[in-house]
């Protein structure tokens, strides 16, 4: 999860989500960085609109509908 949080921090601060920036955030947080995970996350987020994804996730009820 730390990798996703780091990407969200970069997005929130209007920084580019790239391998160097992601690694720097993770290093600053004291995370033992795995280069392959950084590369995979950067590649996975390449075509993702993070703002849209976060707003859509926030719109989904946490527990689902209550049973009647």
N, C-alpha and C. Protein backbone atom coordinates (compact mmCIF):
# COMPACT_ATOMS: atom_id res chain seq x y z
N UNK A 1 0.80 -1.20 0.00
CA UNK A 1 0.00 0.00 0.00
C UNK A 1 0.85 1.26 0.00
N UNK A 2 2.06 1.14 0.56
CA UNK A 2 2.91 2.33 0.65
C UNK A 2 3.19 2.94 -0.72
N UNK A 3 3.29 2.10 -1.72
CA UNK A 3 3.60 2.56 -3.07
C UNK A 3 2.42 3.37 -3.62
N UNK A 4 1.22 2.90 -3.38
CA UNK A 4 0.03 3.62 -3.84
C UNK A 4 -0.10 4.94 -3.09
N UNK A 5 0.14 4.91 -1.79
CA UNK A 5 0.09 6.16 -1.01
C UNK A 5 1.11 7.16 -1.53
N UNK A 6 2.30 6.69 -1.85
CA UNK A 6 3.34 7.59 -2.38
C UNK A 6 2.87 8.22 -3.69
N UNK A 7 2.23 7.42 -4.54
CA UNK A 7 1.72 7.95 -5.80
C UNK A 7 0.63 8.98 -5.55
N UNK A 8 -0.22 8.74 -4.56
CA UNK A 8 -1.27 9.71 -4.22
C UNK A 8 -0.67 11.01 -3.69
N UNK A 9 0.38 10.90 -2.90
CA UNK A 9 1.05 12.11 -2.40
C UNK A 9 1.62 12.91 -3.56
N UNK A 10 2.27 12.23 -4.49
CA UNK A 10 2.82 12.93 -5.66
C UNK A 10 1.71 13.59 -6.46
N UNK A 11 0.63 12.89 -6.66
CA UNK A 11 -0.49 13.44 -7.42
C UNK A 11 -1.06 14.67 -6.71
N UNK A 12 -1.24 14.58 -5.41
CA UNK A 12 -1.82 15.68 -4.64
C UNK A 12 -0.92 16.92 -4.65
N UNK A 13 0.38 16.70 -4.74
CA UNK A 13 1.32 17.83 -4.74
C UNK A 13 1.68 18.26 -6.16
N UNK A 14 0.93 17.77 -7.14
CA UNK A 14 1.13 18.12 -8.55
C UNK A 14 2.54 17.79 -9.06
N UNK A 15 3.11 16.72 -8.54
CA UNK A 15 4.41 16.24 -9.01
C UNK A 15 4.18 15.08 -9.97
N UNK A 16 5.07 14.93 -10.90
CA UNK A 16 4.97 13.83 -11.86
C UNK A 16 5.19 12.50 -11.15
N UNK A 17 4.35 11.53 -11.49
CA UNK A 17 4.52 10.19 -10.92
C UNK A 17 5.46 9.43 -11.84
N UNK A 18 6.72 9.44 -11.45
CA UNK A 18 7.74 8.70 -12.21
C UNK A 18 8.58 7.91 -11.21
N UNK A 19 9.49 7.11 -11.72
CA UNK A 19 10.27 6.22 -10.86
C UNK A 19 11.10 6.99 -9.84
N UNK A 20 11.74 8.07 -10.27
CA UNK A 20 12.59 8.84 -9.35
C UNK A 20 11.77 9.47 -8.23
N UNK A 21 10.68 10.14 -8.59
CA UNK A 21 9.86 10.80 -7.58
C UNK A 21 9.23 9.80 -6.61
N UNK A 22 8.75 8.70 -7.15
CA UNK A 22 8.13 7.69 -6.30
C UNK A 22 9.16 7.10 -5.34
N UNK A 23 10.34 6.82 -5.85
CA UNK A 23 11.41 6.28 -5.01
C UNK A 23 11.80 7.27 -3.92
N UNK A 24 11.87 8.55 -4.27
CA UNK A 24 12.22 9.57 -3.28
C UNK A 24 11.21 9.65 -2.15
N UNK A 25 9.93 9.60 -2.49
CA UNK A 25 8.88 9.65 -1.46
C UNK A 25 8.97 8.41 -0.57
N UNK A 26 9.14 7.26 -1.18
CA UNK A 26 9.24 6.02 -0.40
C UNK A 26 10.47 6.02 0.49
N UNK A 27 11.60 6.48 -0.03
CA UNK A 27 12.82 6.58 0.76
C UNK A 27 12.61 7.50 1.96
N UNK A 28 11.97 8.64 1.72
CA UNK A 28 11.72 9.61 2.79
C UNK A 28 10.83 9.01 3.88
N UNK A 29 9.97 8.09 3.49
CA UNK A 29 9.08 7.45 4.46
C UNK A 29 9.72 6.25 5.15
N UNK A 30 10.95 5.94 4.75
CA UNK A 30 11.65 4.82 5.38
C UNK A 30 11.26 3.46 4.84
N UNK A 31 10.69 3.44 3.64
CA UNK A 31 10.27 2.18 3.03
C UNK A 31 11.45 1.54 2.30
N UNK A 32 11.60 0.23 2.45
CA UNK A 32 12.62 -0.51 1.71
C UNK A 32 12.09 -0.67 0.28
N UNK A 33 12.62 0.13 -0.64
CA UNK A 33 12.08 0.25 -1.99
C UNK A 33 12.51 -0.92 -2.87
N UNK A 34 11.52 -1.52 -3.54
CA UNK A 34 11.77 -2.56 -4.52
C UNK A 34 11.59 -1.93 -5.90
N UNK A 35 12.67 -1.86 -6.66
CA UNK A 35 12.66 -1.20 -7.97
C UNK A 35 11.60 -1.78 -8.89
N UNK A 36 11.41 -3.10 -8.85
CA UNK A 36 10.44 -3.72 -9.75
C UNK A 36 9.01 -3.28 -9.42
N UNK A 37 8.71 -3.08 -8.15
CA UNK A 37 7.38 -2.61 -7.77
C UNK A 37 7.16 -1.17 -8.18
N UNK A 38 8.22 -0.36 -8.08
CA UNK A 38 8.13 1.04 -8.51
C UNK A 38 7.85 1.09 -10.00
N UNK A 39 8.60 0.33 -10.78
CA UNK A 39 8.42 0.31 -12.23
C UNK A 39 7.01 -0.16 -12.59
N UNK A 40 6.54 -1.19 -11.92
CA UNK A 40 5.21 -1.74 -12.21
C UNK A 40 4.11 -0.72 -11.91
N UNK A 41 4.23 -0.02 -10.78
CA UNK A 41 3.21 0.96 -10.43
C UNK A 41 3.22 2.14 -11.39
N UNK A 42 4.39 2.63 -11.73
CA UNK A 42 4.47 3.75 -12.67
C UNK A 42 3.84 3.34 -14.01
N UNK A 43 4.13 2.14 -14.47
CA UNK A 43 3.57 1.66 -15.73
C UNK A 43 2.05 1.50 -15.62
N UNK A 44 1.57 1.00 -14.49
CA UNK A 44 0.14 0.79 -14.30
C UNK A 44 -0.64 2.10 -14.24
N UNK A 45 0.00 3.15 -13.74
CA UNK A 45 -0.68 4.44 -13.59
C UNK A 45 -0.53 5.34 -14.80
N UNK A 46 0.18 4.88 -15.80
CA UNK A 46 0.50 5.71 -16.96
C UNK A 46 -0.73 6.35 -17.60
N UNK A 47 -1.79 5.60 -17.78
CA UNK A 47 -2.98 6.11 -18.45
C UNK A 47 -4.17 6.29 -17.51
N UNK A 48 -3.89 6.40 -16.21
CA UNK A 48 -4.96 6.51 -15.22
C UNK A 48 -5.14 7.97 -14.81
N UNK A 49 -6.39 8.41 -14.80
CA UNK A 49 -6.72 9.74 -14.27
C UNK A 49 -6.98 9.54 -12.78
N UNK A 50 -5.98 9.84 -11.98
CA UNK A 50 -6.05 9.55 -10.55
C UNK A 50 -7.16 10.34 -9.88
N UNK A 51 -7.33 11.59 -10.24
CA UNK A 51 -8.41 12.39 -9.64
C UNK A 51 -9.76 11.74 -9.87
N UNK A 52 -9.99 11.27 -11.08
CA UNK A 52 -11.26 10.62 -11.41
C UNK A 52 -11.41 9.31 -10.64
N UNK A 53 -10.35 8.53 -10.58
CA UNK A 53 -10.40 7.25 -9.87
C UNK A 53 -10.68 7.44 -8.39
N UNK A 54 -10.06 8.44 -7.78
CA UNK A 54 -10.28 8.71 -6.36
C UNK A 54 -11.70 9.18 -6.11
N UNK A 55 -12.21 10.06 -6.96
CA UNK A 55 -13.57 10.56 -6.75
C UNK A 55 -14.59 9.45 -6.96
N UNK A 56 -14.36 8.56 -7.91
CA UNK A 56 -15.28 7.44 -8.12
C UNK A 56 -15.23 6.47 -6.94
N UNK A 57 -14.05 6.24 -6.42
CA UNK A 57 -13.92 5.33 -5.27
C UNK A 57 -14.60 5.93 -4.04
N UNK A 58 -14.51 7.24 -3.88
CA UNK A 58 -15.13 7.89 -2.74
C UNK A 58 -16.65 7.87 -2.82
N UNK A 59 -17.19 7.72 -4.01
CA UNK A 59 -18.64 7.74 -4.21
C UNK A 59 -19.27 6.37 -3.90
N UNK A 60 -18.48 5.33 -3.81
CA UNK A 60 -18.99 3.98 -3.55
C UNK A 60 -19.20 3.80 -2.05
N UNK A 61 -20.39 3.37 -1.63
CA UNK A 61 -20.62 3.14 -0.20
C UNK A 61 -19.67 2.09 0.35
N UNK A 62 -19.17 2.30 1.54
CA UNK A 62 -18.17 1.42 2.13
C UNK A 62 -18.71 0.02 2.43
N UNK A 63 -19.90 -0.10 2.95
CA UNK A 63 -20.42 -1.40 3.34
C UNK A 63 -21.46 -1.96 2.41
N UNK A 64 -21.74 -1.29 1.35
CA UNK A 64 -22.82 -1.72 0.48
C UNK A 64 -24.16 -1.32 1.06
N UNK A 65 -25.21 -1.75 0.44
CA UNK A 65 -26.56 -1.40 0.90
C UNK A 65 -26.93 -2.24 2.12
N UNK A 66 -27.66 -1.66 3.03
CA UNK A 66 -28.12 -2.38 4.21
C UNK A 66 -29.26 -3.31 3.83
N UNK A 67 -29.27 -4.48 4.41
CA UNK A 67 -30.33 -5.45 4.14
C UNK A 67 -31.63 -4.99 4.80
N UNK A 68 -32.73 -5.22 4.11
CA UNK A 68 -34.02 -4.75 4.62
C UNK A 68 -34.78 -5.73 5.43
